[in-house]
Amino acid sequence: MKLSTHSHHIIIDGEMVIFDEIGDKYWILNKEETDTVLDALHVESKPELHMDPIKDLVAAGVLTAGNQGSDIKFAAPDIKGIDFHEWQSSFKIGLVPVRKKILFQSALALISACILLNTIGLHRTFNLLRLIKARNTSKNSLNDKDALEISSGIKISSIYIPLPTSCLQHALGAHLLSCFKGNSVRMKIGVKKYDFLAHAWIENNNTVIGDRPDLPELLHTIFSI
């Protein structure tokens, strides 16, 4: 068995967290369940499909036929962890003045991100971003100042658009707009186990934009695009 292409995982203290972008769902496995899945990932033949959590993961399309081999992602030992994190607190970080043009573009990008998520879903939205990045042949590297202005534009415009937004929509919107201006921006999702938390942010040239600068040291990165 193997994890499907769009099932992202990380093992933290012997427990596996899986982000299924197609199902838009997180799976948190305890140590016994993690060992069962790891055993399944190291054999060519199908494991006993009646075993939990194998049957649920297979039914969800997270586990598929094949062999995972040694491609197992373990958490870095130096992640400090984070007790609590609210998007409202991130919202206030890195706000800078925004030009009208960028504010307008940011509003369009944020609205587009919301519409895409609500109509075609998370997986297809991610695939669209992958396509945009693949076709972006620009050698330009967006500087942090411009990236921060885009992030601020997304935050400010979210106050006025009549759509609910959170860190995911903000990161998608900022990533979408930034991709058209440079090829150095990445969107990441980090997780922690207990209490479970998933948080999305953007980075430019490995620098966190519009959020806590130490996020990569506090959360385990499970997804990057």
Protein backbone atom coordinates (compact mmCIF):
# COMPACT_ATOMS: atom_id res chain seq x y z
CA MET A 1 0.00 0.00 0.00
CA LYS A 2 0.99 3.63 -0.35
CA LEU A 3 -0.38 7.03 0.52
CA SER A 4 -2.14 8.68 -2.40
CA THR A 5 -0.40 11.52 -4.22
CA HIS A 6 -2.52 14.16 -2.54
CA SER A 7 -2.44 12.72 0.98
CA HIS A 8 0.24 14.56 2.94
CA HIS A 9 1.58 13.11 6.16
CA ILE A 10 3.99 13.62 9.00
CA ILE A 11 4.82 11.44 12.01
CA ILE A 12 5.09 13.36 15.28
CA ASP A 13 6.26 11.45 18.36
CA GLY A 14 5.27 8.16 16.79
CA GLU A 15 1.79 9.35 15.76
CA MET A 16 0.82 10.05 12.16
CA VAL A 17 -1.09 13.11 11.00
CA ILE A 18 -2.49 12.90 7.47
CA PHE A 19 -3.86 15.81 5.47
CA ASP A 20 -6.15 14.55 2.71
CA GLU A 21 -6.53 17.49 0.34
CA ILE A 22 -9.09 15.70 -1.82
CA GLY A 23 -11.36 14.94 1.13
CA ASP A 24 -10.39 18.22 2.84
CA LYS A 25 -9.84 16.27 6.03
CA TYR A 26 -7.18 15.59 8.65
CA TRP A 27 -6.58 12.14 10.11
CA ILE A 28 -4.81 11.81 13.47
CA LEU A 29 -3.64 8.27 14.25
CA ASN A 30 -2.46 7.06 17.62
CA LYS A 31 0.76 5.04 17.92
CA GLU A 32 -0.92 1.66 17.46
CA GLU A 33 -2.82 2.85 14.39
CA THR A 34 0.34 4.49 13.03
CA ASP A 35 2.27 1.21 13.39
CA THR A 36 -0.52 -0.61 11.54
CA VAL A 37 -0.39 1.88 8.67
CA LEU A 38 3.42 1.84 8.54
CA ASP A 39 3.37 -1.94 8.30
CA ALA A 40 0.89 -1.66 5.42
CA LEU A 41 3.09 0.86 3.65
CA HIS A 42 6.04 -1.51 3.58
CA VAL A 43 4.40 -4.45 1.83
CA GLU A 44 3.52 -4.95 -1.82
CA SER A 45 0.42 -7.02 -1.13
CA LYS A 46 -2.79 -5.66 0.27
CA PRO A 47 -3.03 -5.78 4.08
CA GLU A 48 -6.07 -7.03 5.91
CA LEU A 49 -8.59 -4.42 4.82
CA HIS A 50 -10.87 -5.10 7.78
CA MET A 51 -8.25 -3.71 10.15
CA ASP A 52 -8.73 -0.26 11.59
CA PRO A 53 -7.71 2.29 10.47
CA ILE A 54 -6.73 0.63 7.16
CA LYS A 55 -10.29 0.12 5.94
CA ASP A 56 -11.27 3.74 6.60
CA LEU A 57 -8.16 5.12 4.89
CA VAL A 58 -8.64 2.85 1.88
CA ALA A 59 -12.33 3.78 1.65
CA ALA A 60 -11.38 7.47 1.72
CA GLY A 61 -8.77 6.98 -1.01
CA VAL A 62 -5.93 7.99 1.32
CA LEU A 63 -4.30 4.56 1.02
CA THR A 64 -4.01 3.05 -2.45
CA ALA A 65 -2.34 0.09 -4.12
CA GLY A 66 1.44 0.26 -4.39
CA ASN A 67 4.50 0.48 -2.18
CA GLN A 68 5.42 3.60 -0.22
CA GLY A 69 8.98 2.45 0.21
CA SER A 70 11.07 4.63 2.50
CA ASP A 71 9.30 7.87 1.65
CA ILE A 72 8.00 8.47 5.18
CA LYS A 73 8.12 11.98 6.61
CA PHE A 74 9.11 12.32 10.25
CA ALA A 75 8.83 15.54 12.24
CA ALA A 76 11.97 17.56 12.85
CA PRO A 77 13.14 17.13 16.46
CA ASP A 78 13.69 20.85 17.02
CA ILE A 79 10.07 22.01 16.54
CA LYS A 80 9.25 23.92 19.73
CA GLY A 81 5.47 23.63 19.52
CA ILE A 82 2.86 26.26 20.15
CA ASP A 83 0.29 26.38 22.94
CA PHE A 84 -2.38 28.40 21.20
CA HIS A 85 -2.72 30.35 17.98
CA GLU A 86 -5.63 32.38 16.69
CA TRP A 87 -6.00 33.82 13.22
CA GLN A 88 -7.15 37.06 14.82
CA SER A 89 -3.70 37.50 16.34
CA SER A 90 -1.99 36.78 13.01
CA PHE A 91 -4.30 39.28 11.35
CA LYS A 92 -2.61 42.13 13.21
CA ILE A 93 0.95 41.13 12.30
CA GLY A 94 2.79 42.90 9.53
CA LEU A 95 0.10 45.36 8.49
CA VAL A 96 1.58 48.03 6.21
CA PRO A 97 0.08 50.80 4.06
CA VAL A 98 -1.43 49.44 0.84
CA ARG A 99 -1.73 51.25 -2.47
CA LYS A 100 -5.21 51.41 -4.00
CA LYS A 101 -4.17 49.29 -6.97
CA ILE A 102 -2.83 46.53 -4.73
CA LEU A 103 -5.87 46.75 -2.47
CA PHE A 104 -8.16 46.26 -5.46
CA GLN A 105 -6.08 43.35 -6.75
CA SER A 106 -6.00 41.82 -3.26
CA ALA A 107 -9.78 42.02 -2.95
CA LEU A 108 -10.20 40.27 -6.30
CA ALA A 109 -7.67 37.59 -5.31
CA LEU A 110 -9.37 36.97 -1.95
CA ILE A 111 -12.84 36.81 -3.50
CA SER A 112 -11.48 34.43 -6.14
CA ALA A 113 -9.98 32.19 -3.44
CA CYS A 114 -13.30 32.07 -1.58
CA ILE A 115 -15.29 31.31 -4.74
CA LEU A 116 -12.85 28.62 -5.84
CA LEU A 117 -12.99 26.86 -2.48
CA ASN A 118 -16.78 27.00 -2.41
CA THR A 119 -17.28 25.82 -5.99
CA ILE A 120 -14.48 23.48 -7.05
CA GLY A 121 -13.16 22.54 -3.62
CA LEU A 122 -9.76 22.50 -1.96
CA HIS A 123 -8.04 19.90 -4.13
CA ARG A 124 -8.95 21.48 -7.45
CA THR A 125 -8.02 24.90 -6.10
CA PHE A 126 -4.61 23.56 -5.14
CA ASN A 127 -4.26 22.01 -8.58
CA LEU A 128 -5.03 25.38 -10.15
CA LEU A 129 -2.27 26.96 -8.07
CA ARG A 130 0.10 24.18 -9.13
CA LEU A 131 -0.74 24.88 -12.76
CA ILE A 132 -0.20 28.62 -12.34
CA LYS A 133 3.17 28.04 -10.69
CA ALA A 134 4.21 25.50 -13.33
CA ARG A 135 3.42 27.97 -16.11
CA ASN A 136 5.11 30.86 -14.36
CA THR A 137 8.42 31.03 -16.20
CA SER A 138 9.34 34.38 -14.65
CA LYS A 139 12.76 34.56 -13.03
CA ASN A 140 11.58 37.46 -10.88
CA SER A 141 11.77 37.05 -7.14
CA LEU A 142 9.10 39.01 -5.28
CA ASN A 143 10.73 41.12 -2.58
CA ASP A 144 9.48 40.88 1.00
CA LYS A 145 8.19 44.46 1.00
CA ASP A 146 5.87 43.82 -1.94
CA ALA A 147 4.81 40.45 -0.52
CA LEU A 148 3.96 42.13 2.79
CA GLU A 149 1.88 44.75 0.97
CA ILE A 150 -0.09 41.99 -0.75
CA SER A 151 -0.62 40.22 2.57
CA SER A 152 -1.84 43.47 4.13
CA GLY A 153 -4.10 44.11 1.14
CA ILE A 154 -5.69 40.68 1.62
CA LYS A 155 -6.26 41.34 5.31
CA ILE A 156 -7.73 44.81 4.81
CA SER A 157 -9.99 43.76 1.94
CA SER A 158 -11.32 40.83 4.01
CA ILE A 159 -12.97 43.35 6.35
CA TYR A 160 -15.15 44.65 3.54
CA ILE A 161 -16.04 41.66 1.41
CA PRO A 162 -19.25 39.82 2.48
CA LEU A 163 -17.59 36.40 2.70
CA PRO A 164 -16.24 34.52 5.73
CA THR A 165 -12.47 34.12 5.64
CA SER A 166 -9.78 32.53 7.75
CA CYS A 167 -6.07 31.82 7.43
CA LEU A 168 -6.70 29.39 4.55
CA GLN A 169 -8.54 31.90 2.35
CA HIS A 170 -6.01 34.60 3.22
CA ALA A 171 -3.04 32.39 2.38
CA LEU A 172 -4.66 31.25 -0.86
CA GLY A 173 -5.52 34.78 -1.91
CA ALA A 174 -2.06 36.13 -1.09
CA HIS A 175 -0.40 33.18 -2.80
CA LEU A 176 -2.59 33.54 -5.90
CA LEU A 177 -1.81 37.23 -6.34
CA SER A 178 1.86 36.85 -5.46
CA CYS A 179 2.34 34.11 -8.06
CA PHE A 180 1.49 36.57 -10.81
CA LYS A 181 4.20 38.94 -9.56
CA GLY A 182 7.04 36.55 -8.76
CA ASN A 183 8.02 32.93 -8.40
CA SER A 184 9.46 32.91 -4.89
CA VAL A 185 6.26 32.62 -2.85
CA ARG A 186 5.13 29.42 -1.17
CA MET A 187 2.00 28.57 0.77
CA LYS A 188 2.42 26.25 3.74
CA ILE A 189 0.18 24.48 6.22
CA GLY A 190 1.54 23.54 9.62
CA VAL A 191 -0.01 21.30 12.26
CA LYS A 192 0.33 20.32 15.88
CA LYS A 193 -1.26 17.29 17.51
CA TYR A 194 -2.80 18.21 20.85
CA ASP A 195 -4.92 20.22 20.93
CA PHE A 196 -5.03 19.77 17.17
CA LEU A 197 -4.28 22.87 15.15
CA ALA A 198 -3.81 23.46 11.43
CA HIS A 199 -2.68 26.88 10.24
CA ALA A 200 -1.89 28.22 6.75
CA TRP A 201 0.55 30.99 5.88
CA ILE A 202 2.77 32.21 3.04
CA GLU A 203 6.52 32.53 2.82
CA ASN A 204 8.65 34.54 0.44
CA ASN A 205 12.27 33.46 0.02
CA ASN A 206 11.82 31.34 3.19
CA THR A 207 10.58 34.34 5.19
CA VAL A 208 7.11 34.20 6.78
CA ILE A 209 4.95 37.03 5.43
CA GLY A 210 2.19 38.68 7.47
CA ASP A 211 2.32 36.21 10.34
CA ARG A 212 4.50 35.11 13.23
CA PRO A 213 8.06 34.86 11.89
CA ASP A 214 8.74 31.81 14.06
CA LEU A 215 5.85 29.68 12.69
CA PRO A 216 8.21 27.18 10.98
CA GLU A 217 9.79 26.57 14.40
CA LEU A 218 6.44 26.14 16.15
CA LEU A 219 4.36 24.04 13.75
CA HIS A 220 5.16 20.91 11.77
CA THR A 221 4.91 21.69 8.06
CA ILE A 222 2.68 19.07 6.46
CA PHE A 223 1.92 20.81 3.15
CA SER A 224 3.70 23.22 0.84
CA ILE A 225 2.92 24.48 -2.62
